[in-house]
């Protein structure tokens, strides 16, 4: 049991180091200002579903997609970049 816990802790610590080395952003809390984006077709023909996104403010740490930030429109937490 103790060995399993130690291995799990080592795995968690190891992956967090890899994530930060790859430049992932971790949230600072979601931006309280957001806006609705209508569904639209992109220049490559793909379709983007309607959604909400945070207003631009010069940082990505408070976007809904940043790891740990909560999106109250979807009820989900961001998973990082």
PDB file of N, CA and C in Angstrom:
ATOM      1  N   UNK A   1       0.824  -1.193   0.000  1.00  0.00           N
ATOM      2  CA  UNK A   1       0.000   0.000   0.000  1.00  0.00           C
ATOM      3  C   UNK A   1       0.866   1.253   0.000  1.00  0.00           C
ATOM      4  N   UNK A   2       1.841   1.312   0.916  1.00  0.00           N
ATOM      5  CA  UNK A   2       2.714   2.478   1.009  1.00  0.00           C
ATOM      6  C   UNK A   2       3.469   2.695  -0.304  1.00  0.00           C
ATOM      7  N   UNK A   3       3.944   1.600  -0.896  1.00  0.00           N
ATOM      8  CA  UNK A   3       4.684   1.693  -2.166  1.00  0.00           C
ATOM      9  C   UNK A   3       3.795   2.243  -3.275  1.00  0.00           C
ATOM     10  N   UNK A   4       2.529   1.823  -3.319  1.00  0.00           N
ATOM     11  CA  UNK A   4       1.586   2.316  -4.327  1.00  0.00           C
ATOM     12  C   UNK A   4       1.372   3.813  -4.175  1.00  0.00           C
ATOM     13  N   UNK A   5       1.224   4.278  -2.946  1.00  0.00           N
ATOM     14  CA  UNK A   5       1.035   5.701  -2.686  1.00  0.00           C
ATOM     15  C   UNK A   5       2.269   6.485  -3.124  1.00  0.00           C
ATOM     16  N   UNK A   6       3.445   5.975  -2.817  1.00  0.00           N
ATOM     17  CA  UNK A   6       4.679   6.638  -3.229  1.00  0.00           C
ATOM     18  C   UNK A   6       4.791   6.732  -4.749  1.00  0.00           C
ATOM     19  N   UNK A   7       4.450   5.672  -5.436  1.00  0.00           N
ATOM     20  CA  UNK A   7       4.498   5.672  -6.905  1.00  0.00           C
ATOM     21  C   UNK A   7       3.502   6.688  -7.458  1.00  0.00           C
ATOM     22  N   UNK A   8       2.317   6.744  -6.883  1.00  0.00           N
ATOM     23  CA  UNK A   8       1.304   7.703  -7.338  1.00  0.00           C
ATOM     24  C   UNK A   8       1.773   9.136  -7.139  1.00  0.00           C
ATOM     25  N   UNK A   9       2.380   9.420  -5.996  1.00  0.00           N
ATOM     26  CA  UNK A   9       2.889  10.767  -5.730  1.00  0.00           C
ATOM     27  C   UNK A   9       4.002  11.125  -6.708  1.00  0.00           C
ATOM     28  N   UNK A  10       4.899  10.184  -6.958  1.00  0.00           N
ATOM     29  CA  UNK A  10       5.992  10.431  -7.911  1.00  0.00           C
ATOM     30  C   UNK A  10       5.440  10.695  -9.304  1.00  0.00           C
ATOM     31  N   UNK A  11       4.407   9.959  -9.694  1.00  0.00           N
ATOM     32  CA  UNK A  11       3.804  10.162 -11.016  1.00  0.00           C
ATOM     33  C   UNK A  11       3.177  11.539 -11.121  1.00  0.00           C
ATOM     34  N   UNK A  12       2.482  11.969 -10.076  1.00  0.00           N
ATOM     35  CA  UNK A  12       1.848  13.293 -10.086  1.00  0.00           C
ATOM     36  C   UNK A  12       2.899  14.388 -10.151  1.00  0.00           C
ATOM     37  N   UNK A  13       3.917  14.293  -9.348  1.00  0.00           N
ATOM     38  CA  UNK A  13       4.977  15.298  -9.371  1.00  0.00           C
ATOM     39  C   UNK A  13       5.715  15.307 -10.695  1.00  0.00           C
ATOM     40  N   UNK A  14       5.924  14.154 -11.263  1.00  0.00           N
ATOM     41  CA  UNK A  14       6.613  14.069 -12.549  1.00  0.00           C
ATOM     42  C   UNK A  14       5.815  14.693 -13.668  1.00  0.00           C
ATOM     43  N   UNK A  15       4.511  14.470 -13.710  1.00  0.00           N
ATOM     44  CA  UNK A  15       3.704  15.034 -14.794  1.00  0.00           C
ATOM     45  C   UNK A  15       3.535  16.528 -14.634  1.00  0.00           C
ATOM     46  N   UNK A  16       3.492  17.048 -13.413  1.00  0.00           N
ATOM     47  CA  UNK A  16       3.348  18.493 -13.252  1.00  0.00           C
ATOM     48  C   UNK A  16       4.599  19.206 -13.751  1.00  0.00           C
ATOM     49  N   UNK A  17       5.766  18.600 -13.578  1.00  0.00           N
ATOM     50  CA  UNK A  17       6.989  19.195 -14.092  1.00  0.00           C
ATOM     51  C   UNK A  17       7.018  19.204 -15.605  1.00  0.00           C
ATOM     52  N   UNK A  18       6.513  18.144 -16.223  1.00  0.00           N
ATOM     53  CA  UNK A  18       6.459  18.075 -17.679  1.00  0.00           C
ATOM     54  C   UNK A  18       5.503  19.119 -18.214  1.00  0.00           C
ATOM     55  N   UNK A  19       4.361  19.266 -17.581  1.00  0.00           N
ATOM     56  CA  UNK A  19       3.358  20.220 -18.057  1.00  0.00           C
ATOM     57  C   UNK A  19       3.906  21.643 -18.031  1.00  0.00           C
ATOM     58  N   UNK A  20       4.572  22.027 -16.938  1.00  0.00           N
ATOM     59  CA  UNK A  20       5.080  23.385 -16.887  1.00  0.00           C
ATOM     60  C   UNK A  20       6.252  23.568 -17.842  1.00  0.00           C
ATOM     61  N   UNK A  21       7.015  22.525 -18.095  1.00  0.00           N
ATOM     62  CA  UNK A  21       8.114  22.639 -19.047  1.00  0.00           C
ATOM     63  C   UNK A  21       7.597  22.836 -20.464  1.00  0.00           C
ATOM     64  N   UNK A  22       6.382  22.355 -20.744  1.00  0.00           N
ATOM     65  CA  UNK A  22       5.812  22.518 -22.077  1.00  0.00           C
ATOM     66  C   UNK A  22       5.093  23.849 -22.229  1.00  0.00           C
ATOM     67  N   UNK A  23       5.037  24.660 -21.185  1.00  0.00           N
ATOM     68  CA  UNK A  23       4.463  25.990 -21.279  1.00  0.00           C
ATOM     69  C   UNK A  23       2.955  26.046 -21.088  1.00  0.00           C
ATOM     70  N   UNK A  24       2.377  25.087 -20.395  1.00  0.00           N
ATOM     71  CA  UNK A  24       0.942  25.147 -20.144  1.00  0.00           C
ATOM     72  C   UNK A  24       0.642  26.288 -19.191  1.00  0.00           C
ATOM     73  N   UNK A  25      -0.527  26.894 -19.385  1.00  0.00           N
ATOM     74  CA  UNK A  25      -0.973  27.952 -18.485  1.00  0.00           C
ATOM     75  C   UNK A  25      -1.874  27.370 -17.417  1.00  0.00           C
ATOM     76  N   UNK A  26      -1.693  27.807 -16.199  1.00  0.00           N
ATOM     77  CA  UNK A  26      -2.576  27.420 -15.120  1.00  0.00           C
ATOM     78  C   UNK A  26      -3.367  28.637 -14.707  1.00  0.00           C
ATOM     79  N   UNK A  27      -4.645  28.427 -14.504  1.00  0.00           N
ATOM     80  CA  UNK A  27      -5.561  29.536 -14.285  1.00  0.00           C
ATOM     81  C   UNK A  27      -5.324  30.320 -13.020  1.00  0.00           C
ATOM     82  N   UNK A  28      -5.751  31.565 -13.093  1.00  0.00           N
ATOM     83  CA  UNK A  28      -5.719  32.454 -11.941  1.00  0.00           C
ATOM     84  C   UNK A  28      -7.136  32.764 -11.507  1.00  0.00           C
ATOM     85  N   UNK A  29      -8.116  32.071 -12.054  1.00  0.00           N
ATOM     86  CA  UNK A  29      -9.527  32.365 -11.829  1.00  0.00           C
ATOM     87  C   UNK A  29     -10.112  32.952 -13.094  1.00  0.00           C
ATOM     88  N   UNK A  30     -11.321  32.573 -13.407  1.00  0.00           N
ATOM     89  CA  UNK A  30     -11.918  33.017 -14.660  1.00  0.00           C
ATOM     90  C   UNK A  30     -12.213  34.510 -14.663  1.00  0.00           C
ATOM     91  N   UNK A  31     -11.989  35.115 -15.801  1.00  0.00           N
ATOM     92  CA  UNK A  31     -12.318  36.502 -16.046  1.00  0.00           C
ATOM     93  C   UNK A  31     -13.827  36.658 -15.895  1.00  0.00           C
ATOM     94  N   UNK A  32     -14.277  37.649 -15.157  1.00  0.00           N
ATOM     95  CA  UNK A  32     -15.717  37.831 -14.948  1.00  0.00           C
ATOM     96  C   UNK A  32     -16.394  38.504 -16.132  1.00  0.00           C
ATOM     97  N   UNK A  33     -15.632  39.026 -17.066  1.00  0.00           N
ATOM     98  CA  UNK A  33     -16.199  39.668 -18.254  1.00  0.00           C
ATOM     99  C   UNK A  33     -16.132  38.704 -19.429  1.00  0.00           C
ATOM    100  N   UNK A  34     -17.289  38.417 -20.019  1.00  0.00           N
ATOM    101  CA  UNK A  34     -17.300  37.531 -21.181  1.00  0.00           C
ATOM    102  C   UNK A  34     -18.314  38.016 -22.199  1.00  0.00           C
ATOM    103  N   UNK A  35     -18.336  37.384 -23.349  1.00  0.00           N
ATOM    104  CA  UNK A  35     -19.279  37.732 -24.397  1.00  0.00           C
ATOM    105  C   UNK A  35     -19.669  36.484 -25.179  1.00  0.00           C
ATOM    106  N   UNK A  36     -20.826  36.569 -25.831  1.00  0.00           N
ATOM    107  CA  UNK A  36     -21.348  35.456 -26.619  1.00  0.00           C
ATOM    108  C   UNK A  36     -20.794  35.534 -28.032  1.00  0.00           C
ATOM    109  N   UNK A  37     -20.399  34.384 -28.569  1.00  0.00           N
ATOM    110  CA  UNK A  37     -19.927  34.298 -29.948  1.00  0.00           C
ATOM    111  C   UNK A  37     -20.901  33.406 -30.704  1.00  0.00           C
ATOM    112  N   UNK A  38     -21.519  33.948 -31.749  1.00  0.00           N
ATOM    113  CA  UNK A  38     -22.467  33.174 -32.554  1.00  0.00           C
ATOM    114  C   UNK A  38     -21.742  32.094 -33.334  1.00  0.00           C
ATOM    115  N   UNK A  39     -22.456  31.038 -33.659  1.00  0.00           N
ATOM    116  CA  UNK A  39     -21.887  30.000 -34.508  1.00  0.00           C
ATOM    117  C   UNK A  39     -21.541  30.577 -35.867  1.00  0.00           C
ATOM    118  N   UNK A  40     -20.459  30.118 -36.448  1.00  0.00           N
ATOM    119  CA  UNK A  40     -20.038  30.655 -37.751  1.00  0.00           C
ATOM    120  C   UNK A  40     -19.154  29.658 -38.487  1.00  0.00           C
ATOM    121  N   UNK A  41     -19.045  29.857 -39.789  1.00  0.00           N
ATOM    122  CA  UNK A  41     -18.147  29.046 -40.611  1.00  0.00           C
ATOM    123  C   UNK A  41     -16.805  29.742 -40.716  1.00  0.00           C
ATOM    124  N   UNK A  42     -15.730  28.981 -40.580  1.00  0.00           N
ATOM    125  CA  UNK A  42     -14.371  29.506 -40.681  1.00  0.00           C
ATOM    126  C   UNK A  42     -13.929  29.555 -42.136  1.00  0.00           C
ATOM    127  N   UNK A  43     -12.818  30.198 -42.378  1.00  0.00           N
ATOM    128  CA  UNK A  43     -12.303  30.315 -43.747  1.00  0.00           C
ATOM    129  C   UNK A  43     -11.928  28.960 -44.344  1.00  0.00           C
ATOM    130  N   UNK A  44     -11.650  27.968 -43.484  1.00  0.00           N
ATOM    131  CA  UNK A  44     -11.303  26.643 -43.996  1.00  0.00           C
ATOM    132  C   UNK A  44     -12.534  25.746 -44.154  1.00  0.00           C
ATOM    133  N   UNK A  45     -13.734  26.318 -43.960  1.00  0.00           N
ATOM    134  CA  UNK A  45     -14.965  25.557 -44.132  1.00  0.00           C
ATOM    135  C   UNK A  45     -15.470  24.877 -42.879  1.00  0.00           C
ATOM    136  N   UNK A  46     -14.692  24.882 -41.805  1.00  0.00           N
ATOM    137  CA  UNK A  46     -15.127  24.272 -40.546  1.00  0.00           C
ATOM    138  C   UNK A  46     -16.150  25.144 -39.844  1.00  0.00           C
ATOM    139  N   UNK A  47     -16.973  24.532 -39.029  1.00  0.00           N
ATOM    140  CA  UNK A  47     -17.994  25.266 -38.295  1.00  0.00           C
ATOM    141  C   UNK A  47     -17.612  25.367 -36.817  1.00  0.00           C
ATOM    142  N   UNK A  48     -17.743  26.553 -36.264  1.00  0.00           N
ATOM    143  CA  UNK A  48     -17.512  26.779 -34.842  1.00  0.00           C
ATOM    144  C   UNK A  48     -18.860  26.931 -34.161  1.00  0.00           C
ATOM    145  N   UNK A  49     -19.107  26.096 -33.149  1.00  0.00           N
ATOM    146  CA  UNK A  49     -20.365  26.142 -32.406  1.00  0.00           C
ATOM    147  C   UNK A  49     -20.481  27.475 -31.651  1.00  0.00           C
ATOM    148  N   UNK A  50     -21.701  27.952 -31.423  1.00  0.00           N
ATOM    149  CA  UNK A  50     -21.858  29.140 -30.583  1.00  0.00           C
ATOM    150  C   UNK A  50     -21.321  28.866 -29.179  1.00  0.00           C
ATOM    151  N   UNK A  51     -20.728  29.875 -28.566  1.00  0.00           N
ATOM    152  CA  UNK A  51     -20.129  29.700 -27.244  1.00  0.00           C
ATOM    153  C   UNK A  51     -19.882  31.055 -26.588  1.00  0.00           C
ATOM    154  N   UNK A  52     -19.502  31.019 -25.335  1.00  0.00           N
ATOM    155  CA  UNK A  52     -19.065  32.215 -24.619  1.00  0.00           C
ATOM    156  C   UNK A  52     -17.553  32.166 -24.496  1.00  0.00           C
ATOM    157  N   UNK A  53     -16.943  33.355 -24.539  1.00  0.00           N
ATOM    158  CA  UNK A  53     -15.509  33.430 -24.288  1.00  0.00           C
ATOM    159  C   UNK A  53     -15.214  34.679 -23.484  1.00  0.00           C
ATOM    160  N   UNK A  54     -14.122  34.636 -22.746  1.00  0.00           N
ATOM    161  CA  UNK A  54     -13.754  35.786 -21.933  1.00  0.00           C
ATOM    162  C   UNK A  54     -13.295  36.928 -22.829  1.00  0.00           C
ATOM    163  N   UNK A  55     -13.509  38.150 -22.352  1.00  0.00           N
ATOM    164  CA  UNK A  55     -13.084  39.319 -23.113  1.00  0.00           C
ATOM    165  C   UNK A  55     -11.563  39.401 -23.130  1.00  0.00           C
ATOM    166  N   UNK A  56     -10.994  39.869 -24.246  1.00  0.00           N
ATOM    167  CA  UNK A  56      -9.538  39.995 -24.321  1.00  0.00           C
ATOM    168  C   UNK A  56      -9.015  40.991 -23.290  1.00  0.00           C
ATOM    169  N   UNK A  57      -7.881  40.653 -22.668  1.00  0.00           N
ATOM    170  CA  UNK A  57      -7.304  41.564 -21.678  1.00  0.00           C
ATOM    171  C   UNK A  57      -5.788  41.416 -21.565  1.00  0.00           C
ATOM    172  N   UNK A  58      -5.160  40.788 -22.532  1.00  0.00           N
ATOM    173  CA  UNK A  58      -3.707  40.711 -22.531  1.00  0.00           C
ATOM    174  C   UNK A  58      -3.104  39.524 -21.795  1.00  0.00           C
ATOM    175  N   UNK A  59      -3.926  38.625 -21.263  1.00  0.00           N
ATOM    176  CA  UNK A  59      -3.407  37.440 -20.589  1.00  0.00           C
ATOM    177  C   UNK A  59      -4.280  36.245 -20.933  1.00  0.00           C
ATOM    178  N   UNK A  60      -3.701  35.056 -20.891  1.00  0.00           N
ATOM    179  CA  UNK A  60      -4.482  33.837 -21.119  1.00  0.00           C
ATOM    180  C   UNK A  60      -4.759  33.099 -19.821  1.00  0.00           C
ATOM    181  N   UNK A  61      -4.228  33.582 -18.712  1.00  0.00           N
ATOM    182  CA  UNK A  61      -4.359  32.887 -17.435  1.00  0.00           C
ATOM    183  C   UNK A  61      -5.766  32.947 -16.848  1.00  0.00           C
ATOM    184  N   UNK A  62      -6.604  33.868 -17.321  1.00  0.00           N
ATOM    185  CA  UNK A  62      -7.963  33.951 -16.795  1.00  0.00           C
ATOM    186  C   UNK A  62      -9.023  33.512 -17.810  1.00  0.00           C
ATOM    187  N   UNK A  63      -8.607  32.895 -18.910  1.00  0.00           N
ATOM    188  CA  UNK A  63      -9.554  32.380 -19.895  1.00  0.00           C
ATOM    189  C   UNK A  63     -10.223  31.116 -19.374  1.00  0.00           C
ATOM    190  N   UNK A  64     -11.399  30.790 -19.899  1.00  0.00           N
ATOM    191  CA  UNK A  64     -12.109  29.593 -19.460  1.00  0.00           C
ATOM    192  C   UNK A  64     -11.293  28.326 -19.703  1.00  0.00           C
ATOM    193  N   UNK A  65     -10.485  28.290 -20.744  1.00  0.00           N
ATOM    194  CA  UNK A  65      -9.725  27.087 -21.065  1.00  0.00           C
ATOM    195  C   UNK A  65      -8.482  26.879 -20.228  1.00  0.00           C
ATOM    196  N   UNK A  66      -8.041  27.903 -19.496  1.00  0.00           N
ATOM    197  CA  UNK A  66      -6.835  27.760 -18.672  1.00  0.00           C
ATOM    198  C   UNK A  66      -7.096  26.761 -17.558  1.00  0.00           C
ATOM    199  N   UNK A  67      -6.119  25.933 -17.281  1.00  0.00           N
ATOM    200  CA  UNK A  67      -6.270  24.858 -16.308  1.00  0.00           C
ATOM    201  C   UNK A  67      -6.790  25.320 -14.960  1.00  0.00           C
ATOM    202  N   UNK A  68      -7.875  24.712 -14.514  1.00  0.00           N
ATOM    203  CA  UNK A  68      -8.442  25.003 -13.212  1.00  0.00           C
ATOM    204  C   UNK A  68      -9.493  26.095 -13.193  1.00  0.00           C
ATOM    205  N   UNK A  69      -9.604  26.887 -14.246  1.00  0.00           N
ATOM    206  CA  UNK A  69     -10.606  27.940 -14.266  1.00  0.00           C
ATOM    207  C   UNK A  69     -11.977  27.353 -14.572  1.00  0.00           C
ATOM    208  N   UNK A  70     -12.996  27.881 -13.917  1.00  0.00           N
ATOM    209  CA  UNK A  70     -14.356  27.357 -14.038  1.00  0.00           C
ATOM    210  C   UNK A  70     -15.154  28.172 -15.047  1.00  0.00           C
ATOM    211  N   UNK A  71     -15.825  27.472 -15.968  1.00  0.00           N
ATOM    212  CA  UNK A  71     -16.722  28.106 -16.933  1.00  0.00           C
ATOM    213  C   UNK A  71     -18.141  27.838 -16.463  1.00  0.00           C
ATOM    214  N   UNK A  72     -18.802  28.855 -15.925  1.00  0.00           N
ATOM    215  CA  UNK A  72     -20.140  28.666 -15.375  1.00  0.00           C
ATOM    216  C   UNK A  72     -21.192  28.454 -16.450  1.00  0.00           C
ATOM    217  N   UNK A  73     -20.884  28.734 -17.718  1.00  0.00           N
ATOM    218  CA  UNK A  73     -21.825  28.474 -18.818  1.00  0.00           C
ATOM    219  C   UNK A  73     -21.915  26.978 -19.112  1.00  0.00           C
ATOM    220  N   UNK A  74     -20.806  26.287 -19.003  1.00  0.00           N
ATOM    221  CA  UNK A  74     -20.777  24.856 -19.317  1.00  0.00           C
ATOM    222  C   UNK A  74     -20.701  23.974 -18.072  1.00  0.00           C
ATOM    223  N   UNK A  75     -20.329  24.556 -16.932  1.00  0.00           N
ATOM    224  CA  UNK A  75     -20.163  23.765 -15.716  1.00  0.00           C
ATOM    225  C   UNK A  75     -18.882  22.952 -15.716  1.00  0.00           C
ATOM    226  N   UNK A  76     -17.910  23.333 -16.535  1.00  0.00           N
ATOM    227  CA  UNK A  76     -16.659  22.586 -16.641  1.00  0.00           C
ATOM    228  C   UNK A  76     -15.472  23.443 -16.229  1.00  0.00           C
ATOM    229  N   UNK A  77     -14.395  22.749 -15.871  1.00  0.00           N
ATOM    230  CA  UNK A  77     -13.132  23.412 -15.546  1.00  0.00           C
ATOM    231  C   UNK A  77     -12.196  23.327 -16.747  1.00  0.00           C
ATOM    232  N   UNK A  78     -11.383  24.369 -16.928  1.00  0.00           N
ATOM    233  CA  UNK A  78     -10.395  24.370 -17.997  1.00  0.00           C
ATOM    234  C   UNK A  78      -9.358  23.296 -17.788  1.00  0.00           C
ATOM    235  N   UNK A  79      -8.779  22.818 -18.891  1.00  0.00           N
ATOM    236  CA  UNK A  79      -7.797  21.735 -18.825  1.00  0.00           C
ATOM    237  C   UNK A  79      -6.395  22.193 -19.181  1.00  0.00           C
ATOM    238  N   UNK A  80      -6.199  23.481 -19.370  1.00  0.00           N
ATOM    239  CA  UNK A  80      -4.865  23.996 -19.690  1.00  0.00           C
ATOM    240  C   UNK A  80      -4.680  24.125 -21.182  1.00  0.00           C
ATOM    241  N   UNK A  81      -3.555  24.693 -21.566  1.00  0.00           N
ATOM    242  CA  UNK A  81      -3.257  24.892 -22.983  1.00  0.00           C
ATOM    243  C   UNK A  81      -2.070  24.048 -23.373  1.00  0.00           C
TER     244      UNK A  81
END
